[in-house]
Amino acid sequence: MNWLDAVILLVVLWFGANAYRAGLIKEVVTCAALAVGVVVAGLYYDGLAAQVFAFLGGDWLPKVVAFLLLFGSVMLLGQLTAFILRGLASLLLLGWADRVLGAGLGVFKGLLLVEVLLVVFVTFPGLGLEGAVRHSLLGPPLLGAAQVVVSLLPSEFEAAVRAPPVH
């Protein structure tokens, strides 16, 4: 177990605890935003990197910034939508079921976010995190479980995930 495993566990627990407080309604909307964010970022990050962030220099930095900006923008829009819907749905008192189901969905969302970040970490070795991912206890199994995430992204991401471990 390395430092990345501790970070992964903290992220997943944090998402679960926050989702427990937020409830199912907000979690469903933000999960949809997470999926849409991966697709949008995967489709448009390369063009955005070339047209807007080329001034950052290098090959990988503009791509990472573009991917994270697109992904983050969609997630932010999802949070705004969830806030509005939760306010409209406040008349429904789903109580404990809303919180418990929300926590389960939050853990799932946290795992999905971790998978997206792990895929980015191994795709762009310039970040210097590929070794930490490959040598962690949780990184390789989560990368192996990231087939849905990888299938939504261009082939360069899949090639990096399939690469042999760094020694």
Protein backbone atom coordinates (compact mmCIF):
# COMPACT_ATOMS: atom_id res chain seq x y z
CA MET A 1 0.00 0.00 0.00
CA ASN A 2 1.41 3.40 -0.96
CA TRP A 3 0.32 7.02 -0.55
CA LEU A 4 -1.96 6.77 -3.59
CA ASP A 5 -3.97 3.97 -1.95
CA ALA A 6 -4.62 6.20 1.05
CA VAL A 7 -5.73 9.02 -1.26
CA ILE A 8 -8.02 6.65 -3.18
CA LEU A 9 -9.63 5.42 0.05
CA LEU A 10 -10.08 8.97 1.34
CA VAL A 11 -11.68 10.10 -1.94
CA VAL A 12 -14.11 7.17 -2.01
CA LEU A 13 -15.03 7.58 1.69
CA TRP A 14 -15.43 11.32 1.24
CA PHE A 15 -17.77 10.80 -1.72
CA GLY A 16 -19.78 8.22 0.24
CA ALA A 17 -20.12 10.47 3.31
CA ASN A 18 -21.06 13.52 1.26
CA ALA A 19 -23.55 11.51 -0.78
CA TYR A 20 -25.13 10.27 2.44
CA ARG A 21 -25.73 13.90 3.40
CA ALA A 22 -26.82 14.93 -0.12
CA GLY A 23 -29.20 12.06 -0.82
CA LEU A 24 -30.07 10.06 -3.89
CA ILE A 25 -31.61 12.84 -5.97
CA LYS A 26 -28.47 14.94 -6.04
CA GLU A 27 -26.28 11.87 -6.52
CA VAL A 28 -28.19 10.64 -9.57
CA VAL A 29 -27.85 13.99 -11.30
CA THR A 30 -24.15 14.30 -10.50
CA CYS A 31 -23.48 10.72 -11.66
CA ALA A 32 -25.04 11.59 -14.98
CA ALA A 33 -22.80 14.67 -15.13
CA LEU A 34 -19.77 12.49 -14.38
CA ALA A 35 -20.55 10.18 -17.31
CA VAL A 36 -21.31 13.06 -19.67
CA GLY A 37 -18.14 14.83 -18.49
CA VAL A 38 -15.96 11.85 -19.41
CA VAL A 39 -17.54 11.64 -22.87
CA VAL A 40 -17.33 15.39 -23.54
CA ALA A 41 -13.74 15.61 -22.28
CA GLY A 42 -12.74 12.55 -24.31
CA LEU A 43 -14.28 13.92 -27.49
CA TYR A 44 -13.06 17.51 -27.32
CA TYR A 45 -9.91 17.68 -25.18
CA ASP A 46 -7.49 17.26 -28.11
CA GLY A 47 -9.02 20.07 -30.18
CA LEU A 48 -9.26 22.39 -27.18
CA ALA A 49 -5.65 21.65 -26.26
CA ALA A 50 -4.46 22.48 -29.77
CA GLN A 51 -6.58 25.61 -30.23
CA VAL A 52 -6.66 27.17 -26.76
CA PHE A 53 -3.93 25.75 -24.55
CA ALA A 54 -1.07 25.37 -27.04
CA PHE A 55 0.66 28.30 -25.30
CA LEU A 56 1.33 26.00 -22.33
CA GLY A 57 3.91 24.19 -24.42
CA GLY A 58 4.77 20.53 -24.63
CA ASP A 59 2.56 17.71 -25.79
CA TRP A 60 0.90 16.46 -22.63
CA LEU A 61 0.28 19.58 -20.49
CA PRO A 62 -2.21 21.28 -22.85
CA LYS A 63 -4.06 17.97 -23.19
CA VAL A 64 -4.27 17.41 -19.43
CA VAL A 65 -5.46 20.98 -18.82
CA ALA A 66 -8.04 20.74 -21.62
CA PHE A 67 -9.32 17.34 -20.46
CA LEU A 68 -9.65 18.45 -16.83
CA LEU A 69 -11.23 21.80 -17.78
CA LEU A 70 -13.88 20.16 -19.96
CA PHE A 71 -14.55 17.42 -17.43
CA GLY A 72 -14.73 19.93 -14.57
CA SER A 73 -17.04 22.28 -16.49
CA VAL A 74 -19.56 19.52 -17.14
CA MET A 75 -19.35 18.43 -13.50
CA LEU A 76 -19.98 22.02 -12.36
CA LEU A 77 -23.02 22.28 -14.63
CA GLY A 78 -24.27 19.00 -13.17
CA GLN A 79 -23.86 20.33 -9.62
CA LEU A 80 -25.87 23.43 -10.50
CA THR A 81 -28.61 21.28 -12.04
CA ALA A 82 -28.66 19.02 -8.99
CA PHE A 83 -28.94 22.01 -6.66
CA ILE A 84 -31.96 23.30 -8.58
CA LEU A 85 -33.66 19.90 -8.73
CA ARG A 86 -33.01 19.20 -5.05
CA GLY A 87 -34.64 22.49 -4.17
CA LEU A 88 -37.66 21.63 -6.31
CA ALA A 89 -37.85 18.14 -4.80
CA SER A 90 -37.50 19.27 -1.18
CA LEU A 91 -41.20 18.62 -0.70
CA LEU A 92 -40.52 14.88 -1.07
CA LEU A 93 -39.34 13.47 2.24
CA LEU A 94 -37.40 10.39 1.22
CA GLY A 95 -35.61 10.36 4.58
CA TRP A 96 -33.22 7.56 5.48
CA ALA A 97 -33.70 5.74 2.17
CA ASP A 98 -32.64 8.84 0.26
CA ARG A 99 -29.48 9.12 2.38
CA VAL A 100 -28.53 5.42 2.37
CA LEU A 101 -29.12 5.00 -1.35
CA GLY A 102 -27.28 8.27 -1.91
CA ALA A 103 -24.27 6.97 0.05
CA GLY A 104 -24.10 3.83 -2.07
CA LEU A 105 -24.26 5.86 -5.23
CA GLY A 106 -21.67 8.27 -3.82
CA VAL A 107 -19.19 5.44 -3.25
CA PHE A 108 -19.77 4.32 -6.84
CA LYS A 109 -19.27 7.88 -8.10
CA GLY A 110 -16.07 8.23 -6.09
CA LEU A 111 -14.72 4.99 -7.57
CA LEU A 112 -15.62 6.16 -11.07
CA LEU A 113 -13.87 9.50 -10.53
CA VAL A 114 -10.78 7.71 -9.19
CA GLU A 115 -10.79 5.46 -12.28
CA VAL A 116 -10.93 8.50 -14.59
CA LEU A 117 -8.01 10.12 -12.77
CA LEU A 118 -5.96 6.90 -12.74
CA VAL A 119 -6.49 6.54 -16.50
CA VAL A 120 -5.31 10.15 -16.98
CA PHE A 121 -2.30 9.52 -14.71
CA VAL A 122 -1.10 6.51 -16.75
CA THR A 123 -1.92 8.10 -20.11
CA PHE A 124 0.21 11.19 -19.48
CA PRO A 125 3.50 10.01 -17.93
CA GLY A 126 4.73 13.60 -17.73
CA LEU A 127 2.58 13.96 -14.62
CA GLY A 128 5.00 11.59 -12.88
CA LEU A 129 2.24 9.48 -11.32
CA GLU A 130 2.30 6.34 -13.47
CA GLY A 131 4.69 4.52 -11.14
CA ALA A 132 2.57 5.36 -8.09
CA VAL A 133 -0.51 3.99 -9.87
CA ARG A 134 1.16 0.80 -11.06
CA HIS A 135 2.77 0.09 -7.65
CA SER A 136 -0.29 0.79 -5.52
CA LEU A 137 -2.54 -1.91 -4.12
CA LEU A 138 -5.76 -0.37 -5.48
CA GLY A 139 -4.51 1.29 -8.70
CA PRO A 140 -4.08 -1.78 -10.94
CA PRO A 141 -7.43 -3.41 -10.02
CA LEU A 142 -9.24 -0.10 -10.48
CA LEU A 143 -7.54 0.39 -13.86
CA GLY A 144 -8.61 -3.15 -14.77
CA ALA A 145 -12.18 -2.28 -13.80
CA ALA A 146 -12.11 0.96 -15.80
CA GLN A 147 -13.25 -0.65 -19.06
CA VAL A 148 -16.36 1.53 -19.31
CA VAL A 149 -14.31 4.67 -18.72
CA VAL A 150 -11.62 3.61 -21.20
CA SER A 151 -14.18 2.64 -23.86
CA LEU A 152 -15.51 6.21 -23.82
CA LEU A 153 -12.08 7.72 -24.49
CA PRO A 154 -9.74 7.82 -27.52
CA SER A 155 -7.41 4.88 -28.15
CA GLU A 156 -4.33 6.56 -26.63
CA PHE A 157 -5.98 6.18 -23.21
CA GLU A 158 -6.63 2.46 -23.73
CA ALA A 159 -3.06 1.87 -24.89
CA ALA A 160 -1.70 3.53 -21.73
CA VAL A 161 -3.99 1.50 -19.45
CA ARG A 162 -2.96 -1.73 -21.20
CA ALA A 163 0.76 -0.91 -20.94
CA PRO A 164 2.82 -3.29 -18.79
CA PRO A 165 3.59 -2.18 -15.22
CA VAL A 166 6.53 0.17 -14.66
CA HIS A 167 9.35 -1.36 -12.57
